[in-house]
C-alpha atoms as a PDB file:
ATOM      1  CA  MET A   1     -15.248 -30.983  -3.505  1.00  0.00           C
ATOM      2  CA  ALA A   2     -13.155 -27.888  -2.742  1.00  0.00           C
ATOM      3  CA  ALA A   3     -11.573 -26.098  -5.689  1.00  0.00           C
ATOM      4  CA  ARG A   4      -7.895 -26.874  -6.154  1.00  0.00           C
ATOM      5  CA  LYS A   5      -5.620 -24.140  -4.895  1.00  0.00           C
ATOM      6  CA  LYS A   6      -3.468 -22.622  -7.626  1.00  0.00           C
ATOM      7  CA  ALA A   7       0.229 -23.392  -7.385  1.00  0.00           C
ATOM      8  CA  GLU A   8       2.395 -20.484  -6.335  1.00  0.00           C
ATOM      9  CA  ARG A   9       3.760 -18.557  -9.316  1.00  0.00           C
ATOM     10  CA  LEU A  10       6.981 -16.683  -8.655  1.00  0.00           C
ATOM     11  CA  PRO A  11       8.984 -14.426 -10.975  1.00  0.00           C
ATOM     12  CA  GLU A  12      12.488 -14.835 -12.270  1.00  0.00           C
ATOM     13  CA  ILE A  13      14.493 -12.157 -10.446  1.00  0.00           C
ATOM     14  CA  THR A  14      17.596 -10.551 -11.937  1.00  0.00           C
ATOM     15  CA  MET A  15      19.681  -7.427 -11.444  1.00  0.00           C
ATOM     16  CA  GLN A  16      19.634  -5.205 -14.528  1.00  0.00           C
ATOM     17  CA  THR A  17      21.814  -2.170 -15.201  1.00  0.00           C
ATOM     18  CA  VAL A  18      20.348   0.546 -17.408  1.00  0.00           C
ATOM     19  CA  GLY A  19      22.512   3.644 -17.746  1.00  0.00           C
ATOM     20  CA  ALA A  20      23.297   5.001 -14.271  1.00  0.00           C
ATOM     21  CA  TYR A  21      20.792   2.722 -12.504  1.00  0.00           C
ATOM     22  CA  THR A  22      20.959  -0.885 -11.350  1.00  0.00           C
ATOM     23  CA  VAL A  23      17.574  -2.290 -10.382  1.00  0.00           C
ATOM     24  CA  ARG A  24      16.166  -5.606  -9.209  1.00  0.00           C
ATOM     25  CA  VAL A  25      13.683  -6.840 -11.808  1.00  0.00           C
ATOM     26  CA  GLY A  26      10.923  -9.415 -11.468  1.00  0.00           C
ATOM     27  CA  HIS A  27       9.700 -11.125 -14.647  1.00  0.00           C
ATOM     28  CA  TRP A  28       6.804 -13.563 -14.792  1.00  0.00           C
ATOM     29  CA  LYS A  29       6.517 -15.602 -17.981  1.00  0.00           C
ATOM     30  CA  ALA A  30       3.057 -16.519 -19.247  1.00  0.00           C
ATOM     31  CA  GLU A  31       2.136 -20.086 -18.318  1.00  0.00           C
ATOM     32  CA  LYS A  32       1.361 -20.839 -21.959  1.00  0.00           C
ATOM     33  CA  PRO A  33       1.938 -18.981 -25.254  1.00  0.00           C
ATOM     34  CA  SER A  34      -0.422 -16.041 -25.625  1.00  0.00           C
ATOM     35  CA  ASP A  35      -0.877 -13.008 -27.850  1.00  0.00           C
ATOM     36  CA  LYS A  36      -2.030 -10.936 -24.855  1.00  0.00           C
ATOM     37  CA  ARG A  37      -0.028  -7.837 -24.013  1.00  0.00           C
ATOM     38  CA  PRO A  38       2.442  -8.078 -21.124  1.00  0.00           C
ATOM     39  CA  ILE A  39       1.802  -6.030 -17.975  1.00  0.00           C
ATOM     40  CA  LEU A  40       4.220  -3.399 -16.696  1.00  0.00           C
ATOM     41  CA  PHE A  41       3.579  -2.838 -12.990  1.00  0.00           C
ATOM     42  CA  PHE A  42       4.669   0.147 -10.863  1.00  0.00           C
ATOM     43  CA  ASN A  43       4.591  -0.365  -7.096  1.00  0.00           C
ATOM     44  CA  GLY A  44       3.759   2.039  -4.260  1.00  0.00           C
ATOM     45  CA  ILE A  45       6.242   4.228  -2.418  1.00  0.00           C
ATOM     46  CA  GLY A  46       8.856   2.298  -0.467  1.00  0.00           C
ATOM     47  CA  ALA A  47       7.357  -0.993  -1.657  1.00  0.00           C
ATOM     48  CA  ASN A  48       9.514  -3.900  -2.785  1.00  0.00           C
ATOM     49  CA  MET A  49       8.334  -6.175  -5.550  1.00  0.00           C
ATOM     50  CA  GLU A  50       7.313  -8.991  -3.180  1.00  0.00           C
ATOM     51  CA  LEU A  51       4.225  -6.923  -2.384  1.00  0.00           C
ATOM     52  CA  ALA A  52       3.112  -7.429  -6.013  1.00  0.00           C
ATOM     53  CA  PHE A  53       3.480 -11.217  -6.043  1.00  0.00           C
ATOM     54  CA  GLY A  54      -0.285 -11.645  -5.717  1.00  0.00           C
ATOM     55  CA  ILE A  55      -0.703 -10.116  -9.178  1.00  0.00           C
ATOM     56  CA  GLY A  56       1.567 -12.769 -10.655  1.00  0.00           C
ATOM     57  CA  HIS A  57      -0.423 -15.428  -8.813  1.00  0.00           C
ATOM     58  CA  TRP A  58      -3.746 -14.251 -10.284  1.00  0.00           C
ATOM     59  CA  ILE A  59      -2.712 -13.182 -13.795  1.00  0.00           C
ATOM     60  CA  ARG A  60      -1.143 -16.274 -15.344  1.00  0.00           C
ATOM     61  CA  ASP A  61      -1.781 -15.880 -19.068  1.00  0.00           C
ATOM     62  CA  ARG A  62       0.421 -12.789 -19.522  1.00  0.00           C
ATOM     63  CA  GLU A  63       4.004 -11.813 -18.988  1.00  0.00           C
ATOM     64  CA  ILE A  64       4.465  -9.365 -16.114  1.00  0.00           C
ATOM     65  CA  ILE A  65       7.428  -7.141 -15.376  1.00  0.00           C
ATOM     66  CA  THR A  66       8.100  -4.957 -12.345  1.00  0.00           C
ATOM     67  CA  PHE A  67      11.172  -3.633 -10.547  1.00  0.00           C
ATOM     68  CA  ASP A  68      12.338  -2.218  -7.238  1.00  0.00           C
ATOM     69  CA  MET A  69      12.920   1.516  -7.652  1.00  0.00           C
ATOM     70  CA  PRO A  70      16.482   2.714  -6.908  1.00  0.00           C
ATOM     71  CA  GLY A  71      17.123   2.410  -3.178  1.00  0.00           C
ATOM     72  CA  ILE A  72      13.951   0.358  -2.628  1.00  0.00           C
ATOM     73  CA  GLY A  73      13.796  -3.368  -1.875  1.00  0.00           C
ATOM     74  CA  GLU A  74      17.075  -4.807  -3.111  1.00  0.00           C
ATOM     75  CA  SER A  75      17.885  -2.159  -5.734  1.00  0.00           C
ATOM     76  CA  PRO A  76      20.932  -0.082  -4.785  1.00  0.00           C
ATOM     77  CA  PRO A  77      20.264   3.659  -4.326  1.00  0.00           C
ATOM     78  CA  SER A  78      20.900   6.090  -7.142  1.00  0.00           C
ATOM     79  CA  ARG A  79      23.638   8.650  -6.645  1.00  0.00           C
ATOM     80  CA  LEU A  80      21.429  11.565  -7.572  1.00  0.00           C
ATOM     81  CA  PRO A  81      17.711  12.417  -7.329  1.00  0.00           C
ATOM     82  CA  TYR A  82      15.525  11.481 -10.282  1.00  0.00           C
ATOM     83  CA  ARG A  83      12.330  12.673 -11.941  1.00  0.00           C
ATOM     84  CA  PRO A  84       9.358  10.561 -13.114  1.00  0.00           C
ATOM     85  CA  TRP A  85      10.322  10.802 -16.798  1.00  0.00           C
ATOM     86  CA  MET A  86      13.678   9.186 -15.962  1.00  0.00           C
ATOM     87  CA  MET A  87      12.045   6.168 -14.304  1.00  0.00           C
ATOM     88  CA  ALA A  88       9.595   5.907 -17.203  1.00  0.00           C
ATOM     89  CA  ARG A  89      12.529   5.779 -19.614  1.00  0.00           C
ATOM     90  CA  LEU A  90      14.203   3.136 -17.415  1.00  0.00           C
ATOM     91  CA  ALA A  91      11.006   1.061 -17.496  1.00  0.00           C
ATOM     92  CA  ARG A  92      10.797   1.359 -21.294  1.00  0.00           C
ATOM     93  CA  LYS A  93      14.378   0.155 -21.680  1.00  0.00           C
ATOM     94  CA  LEU A  94      13.639  -2.814 -19.419  1.00  0.00           C
ATOM     95  CA  CYS A  95      10.593  -3.681 -21.523  1.00  0.00           C
ATOM     96  CA  ASP A  96      12.757  -3.546 -24.651  1.00  0.00           C
ATOM     97  CA  ARG A  97      15.360  -5.755 -23.001  1.00  0.00           C
ATOM     98  CA  PHE A  98      12.718  -8.377 -22.178  1.00  0.00           C
ATOM     99  CA  GLY A  99      11.229  -8.236 -25.686  1.00  0.00           C
ATOM    100  CA  MET A 100       8.039  -6.417 -24.725  1.00  0.00           C
ATOM    101  CA  ASP A 101       6.746  -3.988 -27.352  1.00  0.00           C
ATOM    102  CA  ASP A 102       3.187  -2.923 -26.511  1.00  0.00           C
ATOM    103  CA  VAL A 103       2.265  -3.297 -22.829  1.00  0.00           C
ATOM    104  CA  ASP A 104      -0.682  -2.753 -20.500  1.00  0.00           C
ATOM    105  CA  VAL A 105       0.435  -0.531 -17.632  1.00  0.00           C
ATOM    106  CA  MET A 106      -0.684  -0.812 -14.018  1.00  0.00           C
ATOM    107  CA  GLY A 107       0.276   1.247 -10.973  1.00  0.00           C
ATOM    108  CA  VAL A 108      -0.765   1.523  -7.340  1.00  0.00           C
ATOM    109  CA  SER A 109      -0.507   4.679  -5.199  1.00  0.00           C
ATOM    110  CA  TRP A 110       2.878   6.321  -5.996  1.00  0.00           C
ATOM    111  CA  GLY A 111       3.162   3.802  -8.808  1.00  0.00           C
ATOM    112  CA  GLY A 112      -0.155   5.015 -10.229  1.00  0.00           C
ATOM    113  CA  ALA A 113       1.439   8.399 -10.868  1.00  0.00           C
ATOM    114  CA  MET A 114       4.385   6.618 -12.512  1.00  0.00           C
ATOM    115  CA  ALA A 115       1.930   4.655 -14.660  1.00  0.00           C
ATOM    116  CA  GLN A 116       0.368   7.928 -15.849  1.00  0.00           C
ATOM    117  CA  GLN A 117       3.796   9.362 -16.672  1.00  0.00           C
ATOM    118  CA  TYR A 118       4.772   6.229 -18.589  1.00  0.00           C
ATOM    119  CA  ALA A 119       1.441   6.138 -20.441  1.00  0.00           C
ATOM    120  CA  PHE A 120       1.966   9.735 -21.574  1.00  0.00           C
ATOM    121  CA  GLN A 121       5.632   9.352 -22.453  1.00  0.00           C
ATOM    122  CA  TYR A 122       5.131   6.114 -24.410  1.00  0.00           C
ATOM    123  CA  ARG A 123       1.448   6.295 -25.216  1.00  0.00           C
ATOM    124  CA  LYS A 124       1.827   4.732 -28.667  1.00  0.00           C
ATOM    125  CA  SER A 125       2.981   1.495 -27.026  1.00  0.00           C
ATOM    126  CA  VAL A 126       0.416   1.358 -24.189  1.00  0.00           C
ATOM    127  CA  GLY A 127      -2.720  -0.722 -24.703  1.00  0.00           C
ATOM    128  CA  LYS A 128      -4.628  -0.287 -21.417  1.00  0.00           C
ATOM    129  CA  LEU A 129      -4.004   1.583 -18.179  1.00  0.00           C
ATOM    130  CA  ILE A 130      -4.976   0.534 -14.629  1.00  0.00           C
ATOM    131  CA  LEU A 131      -4.712   3.072 -11.791  1.00  0.00           C
ATOM    132  CA  CYS A 132      -5.233   1.861  -8.222  1.00  0.00           C
ATOM    133  CA  ALA A 133      -5.523   4.092  -5.126  1.00  0.00           C
ATOM    134  CA  THR A 134      -3.735   6.975  -6.829  1.00  0.00           C
ATOM    135  CA  THR A 135      -3.959  10.659  -7.729  1.00  0.00           C
ATOM    136  CA  ALA A 136      -3.197  13.219 -10.420  1.00  0.00           C
ATOM    137  CA  GLY A 137      -0.178  14.453  -8.427  1.00  0.00           C
ATOM    138  CA  MET A 138       0.214  17.724  -6.540  1.00  0.00           C
ATOM    139  CA  THR A 139      -3.414  18.572  -7.317  1.00  0.00           C
ATOM    140  CA  MET A 140      -4.592  15.684  -5.118  1.00  0.00           C
ATOM    141  CA  VAL A 141      -7.228  15.889  -2.404  1.00  0.00           C
ATOM    142  CA  PRO A 142      -5.196  15.055   0.757  1.00  0.00           C
ATOM    143  CA  GLY A 143      -5.931  12.154   3.075  1.00  0.00           C
ATOM    144  CA  LYS A 144      -6.299  12.046   6.849  1.00  0.00           C
ATOM    145  CA  ILE A 145      -3.530  13.760   8.823  1.00  0.00           C
ATOM    146  CA  ASP A 146      -3.162  10.740  11.172  1.00  0.00           C
ATOM    147  CA  ALA A 147      -2.497   8.417   8.238  1.00  0.00           C
ATOM    148  CA  ILE A 148      -0.153  10.780   6.398  1.00  0.00           C
ATOM    149  CA  SER A 149       1.931  11.458   9.525  1.00  0.00           C
ATOM    150  CA  LYS A 150       2.373   7.725  10.132  1.00  0.00           C
ATOM    151  CA  MET A 151       3.371   7.233   6.487  1.00  0.00           C
ATOM    152  CA  ALA A 152       6.479   9.326   7.223  1.00  0.00           C
ATOM    153  CA  ASP A 153       7.449   7.162  10.202  1.00  0.00           C
ATOM    154  CA  ALA A 154      10.291   4.809   9.216  1.00  0.00           C
ATOM    155  CA  ARG A 155       9.072   2.253  11.775  1.00  0.00           C
ATOM    156  CA  ARG A 156       6.408   1.092   9.337  1.00  0.00           C
ATOM    157  CA  TYR A 157       9.237  -0.666   7.456  1.00  0.00           C
ATOM    158  CA  THR A 158      11.392  -1.795  10.378  1.00  0.00           C
ATOM    159  CA  ASP A 159       8.940  -2.600  13.202  1.00  0.00           C
ATOM    160  CA  PRO A 160       6.253  -5.223  12.353  1.00  0.00           C
ATOM    161  CA  ASP A 161       4.426  -4.559  15.644  1.00  0.00           C
ATOM    162  CA  PHE A 162       4.175  -0.836  14.833  1.00  0.00           C
ATOM    163  CA  MET A 163       2.698  -1.739  11.440  1.00  0.00           C
ATOM    164  CA  ARG A 164       0.176  -4.159  12.922  1.00  0.00           C
ATOM    165  CA  ASP A 165      -0.873  -1.654  15.592  1.00  0.00           C
ATOM    166  CA  ASN A 166      -1.284   1.186  13.099  1.00  0.00           C
ATOM    167  CA  PHE A 167      -2.356  -0.684   9.954  1.00  0.00           C
ATOM    168  CA  ALA A 168      -5.990   0.413  10.050  1.00  0.00           C
ATOM    169  CA  LYS A 169      -5.042   4.056  10.677  1.00  0.00           C
ATOM    170  CA  LEU A 170      -2.452   4.000   7.909  1.00  0.00           C
ATOM    171  CA  TYR A 171      -4.414   2.301   5.178  1.00  0.00           C
ATOM    172  CA  GLY A 172      -8.058   2.042   6.219  1.00  0.00           C
ATOM    173  CA  ASP A 173      -7.873  -1.775   6.124  1.00  0.00           C
ATOM    174  CA  ALA A 174      -8.103  -4.248   8.985  1.00  0.00           C
ATOM    175  CA  ALA A 175      -4.850  -5.997   9.947  1.00  0.00           C
ATOM    176  CA  ASP A 176      -6.068  -9.419   8.790  1.00  0.00           C
ATOM    177  CA  GLU A 177      -4.150 -12.358   7.319  1.00  0.00           C
ATOM    178  CA  ALA A 178      -3.598 -10.564   3.985  1.00  0.00           C
ATOM    179  CA  ALA A 179      -2.256  -7.541   5.840  1.00  0.00           C
ATOM    180  CA  GLY A 180      -0.010  -9.827   7.858  1.00  0.00           C
ATOM    181  CA  ASN A 181       1.489 -11.257   4.666  1.00  0.00           C
ATOM    182  CA  HIS A 182       2.061  -7.698   3.442  1.00  0.00           C
ATOM    183  CA  ILE A 183       3.849  -6.775   6.677  1.00  0.00           C
ATOM    184  CA  ASP A 184       6.006  -9.914   6.589  1.00  0.00           C
ATOM    185  CA  ASN A 185       7.146  -9.124   3.022  1.00  0.00           C
ATOM    186  CA  LEU A 186       8.277  -5.551   3.751  1.00  0.00           C
ATOM    187  CA  LYS A 187      11.940  -4.757   3.130  1.00  0.00           C
ATOM    188  CA  PRO A 188      13.241  -1.483   4.603  1.00  0.00           C
ATOM    189  CA  PRO A 189      14.246   0.996   1.857  1.00  0.00           C
ATOM    190  CA  ALA A 190      17.595   2.767   1.901  1.00  0.00           C
ATOM    191  CA  PRO A 191      17.101   6.181   3.577  1.00  0.00           C
ATOM    192  CA  MET A 192      18.107   8.190   0.488  1.00  0.00           C
ATOM    193  CA  GLY A 193      16.200   5.803  -1.758  1.00  0.00           C
ATOM    194  CA  TYR A 194      13.008   6.656   0.124  1.00  0.00           C
ATOM    195  CA  VAL A 195      13.812  10.387   0.140  1.00  0.00           C
ATOM    196  CA  TYR A 196      14.434  10.400  -3.624  1.00  0.00           C
ATOM    197  CA  GLN A 197      11.173   8.543  -4.173  1.00  0.00           C
ATOM    198  CA  LEU A 198       9.294  11.028  -1.985  1.00  0.00           C
ATOM    199  CA  THR A 199      10.744  14.037  -3.810  1.00  0.00           C
ATOM    200  CA  ALA A 200      10.543  12.640  -7.359  1.00  0.00           C
ATOM    201  CA  PHE A 201       7.010  13.956  -7.883  1.00  0.00           C
ATOM    202  CA  LEU A 202       7.449  17.393  -6.264  1.00  0.00           C
ATOM    203  CA  GLY A 203       5.591  19.877  -8.462  1.00  0.00           C
ATOM    204  CA  TRP A 204       4.339  17.096 -10.766  1.00  0.00           C
ATOM    205  CA  SER A 205       0.741  16.801 -11.962  1.00  0.00           C
ATOM    206  CA  SER A 206      -0.790  14.717 -14.730  1.00  0.00           C
ATOM    207  CA  LEU A 207      -3.624  17.196 -15.324  1.00  0.00           C
ATOM    208  CA  PRO A 208      -1.731  19.171 -18.014  1.00  0.00           C
ATOM    209  CA  PHE A 209      -1.402  16.036 -20.176  1.00  0.00           C
ATOM    210  CA  ILE A 210      -4.105  13.671 -18.941  1.00  0.00           C
ATOM    211  CA  ARG A 211      -6.476  14.368 -21.870  1.00  0.00           C
ATOM    212  CA  PHE A 212      -3.838  12.829 -24.169  1.00  0.00           C
ATOM    213  CA  LEU A 213      -4.234   9.458 -22.409  1.00  0.00           C
ATOM    214  CA  LYS A 214      -6.924   8.047 -24.663  1.00  0.00           C
ATOM    215  CA  MET A 215      -6.224   4.369 -23.965  1.00  0.00           C
ATOM    216  CA  PRO A 216      -8.934   2.443 -22.032  1.00  0.00           C
ATOM    217  CA  THR A 217      -8.327   3.118 -18.350  1.00  0.00           C
ATOM    218  CA  LEU A 218      -9.629   1.431 -15.213  1.00  0.00           C
ATOM    219  CA  VAL A 219      -9.546   3.660 -12.124  1.00  0.00           C
ATOM    220  CA  MET A 220      -9.934   1.729  -8.875  1.00  0.00           C
ATOM    221  CA  ALA A 221     -10.425   3.145  -5.382  1.00  0.00           C
ATOM    222  CA  GLY A 222     -11.259   1.903  -1.906  1.00  0.00           C
ATOM    223  CA  ASP A 223     -14.106   3.720  -0.178  1.00  0.00           C
ATOM    224  CA  ARG A 224     -12.182   3.605   3.147  1.00  0.00           C
ATOM    225  CA  ASP A 225      -8.816   4.772   1.833  1.00  0.00           C
ATOM    226  CA  ALA A 226      -7.278   6.995   4.537  1.00  0.00           C
ATOM    227  CA  ILE A 227      -4.366   8.172   2.359  1.00  0.00           C
ATOM    228  CA  VAL A 228      -5.956   8.785  -1.063  1.00  0.00           C
ATOM    229  CA  PRO A 229      -9.624   9.774  -0.607  1.00  0.00           C
ATOM    230  CA  MET A 230     -12.232   8.765  -3.163  1.00  0.00           C
ATOM    231  CA  ALA A 231     -12.392  12.302  -4.611  1.00  0.00           C
ATOM    232  CA  ASN A 232      -9.026  11.702  -6.286  1.00  0.00           C
ATOM    233  CA  ALA A 233     -10.346   8.714  -8.225  1.00  0.00           C
ATOM    234  CA  LYS A 234     -13.327  10.766  -9.376  1.00  0.00           C
ATOM    235  CA  ILE A 235     -11.017  13.533 -10.593  1.00  0.00           C
ATOM    236  CA  LEU A 236      -9.042  10.983 -12.605  1.00  0.00           C
ATOM    237  CA  GLN A 237     -12.179   9.331 -13.960  1.00  0.00           C
ATOM    238  CA  PHE A 238     -13.521  12.700 -15.103  1.00  0.00           C
ATOM    239  CA  ALA A 239     -10.243  13.914 -16.636  1.00  0.00           C
ATOM    240  CA  LEU A 240      -9.316  10.713 -18.485  1.00  0.00           C
ATOM    241  CA  PRO A 241     -11.206  10.587 -21.809  1.00  0.00           C
ATOM    242  CA  ASN A 242     -11.690   6.805 -21.887  1.00  0.00           C
ATOM    243  CA  SER A 243     -11.986   5.669 -18.286  1.00  0.00           C
ATOM    244  CA  ARG A 244     -14.286   3.887 -15.879  1.00  0.00           C
ATOM    245  CA  LEU A 245     -14.320   3.934 -12.089  1.00  0.00           C
ATOM    246  CA  HIS A 246     -14.634   0.833  -9.922  1.00  0.00           C
ATOM    247  CA  VAL A 247     -15.058   1.286  -6.174  1.00  0.00           C
ATOM    248  CA  ILE A 248     -13.940  -1.464  -3.780  1.00  0.00           C
ATOM    249  CA  GLU A 249     -16.447  -1.513  -0.918  1.00  0.00           C
ATOM    250  CA  ASP A 250     -14.812  -1.493   2.533  1.00  0.00           C
ATOM    251  CA  GLY A 251     -11.468  -1.230   0.748  1.00  0.00           C
ATOM    252  CA  GLY A 252      -8.618   0.790   2.185  1.00  0.00           C
ATOM    253  CA  HIS A 253      -5.447   2.014   0.499  1.00  0.00           C
ATOM    254  CA  LEU A 254      -4.109  -1.541   0.112  1.00  0.00           C
ATOM    255  CA  PHE A 255      -7.259  -3.104  -1.348  1.00  0.00           C
ATOM    256  CA  LEU A 256      -5.076  -4.738  -4.002  1.00  0.00           C
ATOM    257  CA  VAL A 257      -3.678  -6.894  -1.172  1.00  0.00           C
ATOM    258  CA  SER A 258      -6.461  -6.969   1.423  1.00  0.00           C
ATOM    259  CA  LYS A 259      -9.310  -7.420  -1.097  1.00  0.00           C
ATOM    260  CA  SER A 260      -7.463  -9.299  -3.838  1.00  0.00           C
ATOM    261  CA  GLU A 261     -10.246 -11.850  -4.299  1.00  0.00           C
ATOM    262  CA  VAL A 262     -12.682  -9.123  -5.384  1.00  0.00           C
ATOM    263  CA  THR A 263     -10.136  -6.757  -6.951  1.00  0.00           C
ATOM    264  CA  LEU A 264      -8.133  -9.025  -9.257  1.00  0.00           C
ATOM    265  CA  PRO A 265     -11.155 -10.528 -11.103  1.00  0.00           C
ATOM    266  CA  VAL A 266     -12.254  -6.971 -12.015  1.00  0.00           C
ATOM    267  CA  ILE A 267      -8.769  -6.272 -13.362  1.00  0.00           C
ATOM    268  CA  LEU A 268      -8.749  -9.550 -15.311  1.00  0.00           C
ATOM    269  CA  ASP A 269     -12.129  -8.774 -16.900  1.00  0.00           C
ATOM    270  CA  PHE A 270     -10.915  -5.313 -17.888  1.00  0.00           C
ATOM    271  CA  LEU A 271      -7.708  -6.661 -19.419  1.00  0.00           C
ATOM    272  CA  ASP A 272      -9.580  -9.320 -21.405  1.00  0.00           C
ATOM    273  CA  GLU A 273     -12.293  -6.982 -22.733  1.00  0.00           C
ATOM    274  CA  PRO A 274     -11.910  -6.442 -26.515  1.00  0.00           C
ATOM    275  CA  MET A 275     -10.319  -3.098 -27.389  1.00  0.00           C
ATOM    276  CA  GLU A 276     -12.967  -2.354 -30.033  1.00  0.00           C
ATOM    277  CA  ALA A 277     -15.636  -2.350 -27.314  1.00  0.00           C
ATOM    278  CA  MET A 278     -13.780   0.298 -25.311  1.00  0.00           C
ATOM    279  CA  GLN A 279     -14.337   3.525 -27.201  1.00  0.00           C
ATOM    280  CA  PRO A 280     -13.446   6.908 -25.648  1.00  0.00           C
ATOM    281  CA  LYS A 281     -16.311   8.824 -24.065  1.00  0.00           C
ATOM    282  CA  SER A 282     -17.100  12.397 -24.976  1.00  0.00           C
ATOM    283  CA  PHE A 283     -16.457  15.245 -22.543  1.00  0.00           C
ATOM    284  CA  TRP A 284     -20.202  15.521 -21.821  1.00  0.00           C
ATOM    285  CA  GLU A 285     -20.515  11.783 -21.208  1.00  0.00           C
ATOM    286  CA  ALA A 286     -17.669  11.797 -18.692  1.00  0.00           C
ATOM    287  CA  GLY A 287     -19.671  13.397 -15.884  1.00  0.00           C
ATOM    288  CA  LEU A 288     -18.422  14.081 -12.378  1.00  0.00           C
ATOM    289  CA  SER A 289     -20.002  13.419  -9.027  1.00  0.00           C
ATOM    290  CA  PHE A 290     -18.587  13.901  -5.565  1.00  0.00           C
ATOM    291  CA  ALA A 291     -21.620  12.344  -3.890  1.00  0.00           C
END
């Protein structure tokens, strides 16, 4: 008998104003009472929260909170540019508003850099950290020129056929059914919203503070990522004092979507692992290999 398909789990969506910013917030409640930490999720550049709905579908025993960055999805643009520490503070205030004290933090791509910033800024309230397809900032090893040039083309948000034709070049993944769902859920960002997101991390690197991030960290990377090559994950894994690296075979930049059935169980296992079993490694145990 085939296994029963899980019912769709959607968030409660509200508009929240924090200081000078109004953002669209998605909040998933746990399906039953649990003492597990909520998850704060930071999305990739230009990505609206619908692209993270698969996480809410898989992770049902925890609260989850995410939001569209200013000018992205259905959040109105900010009037002025912002820096990562400002968005981290916004995220903290949202967590407070939703009654979340300690959280596990997860980020993908651009959002992985935000997750590092948040984990540093509020490290006393972060349990675990999950970094997917991301870098340490301006010190990154760059991806393929073809992919990066297409990332700057606004048609990837407004022209589904352009996205389907160039999906493999952009992300390193095949344009399969999962990719099709991703494309269908895209919402074009406001022009200045995208520009402010692009420029937010100019000159930023986590390497000056990354040794302070002693919480258990899962670094995940796709071995076919055309935008963030594997070397970046190995740099993070080496620099973070309590981290492990998991490679998604045949995974591109969007392995969280295209390979969710192999990616999300790894994340679930990591989240459920007892904290006492996750002790920091010494500098000499960290090791580094670019093989």
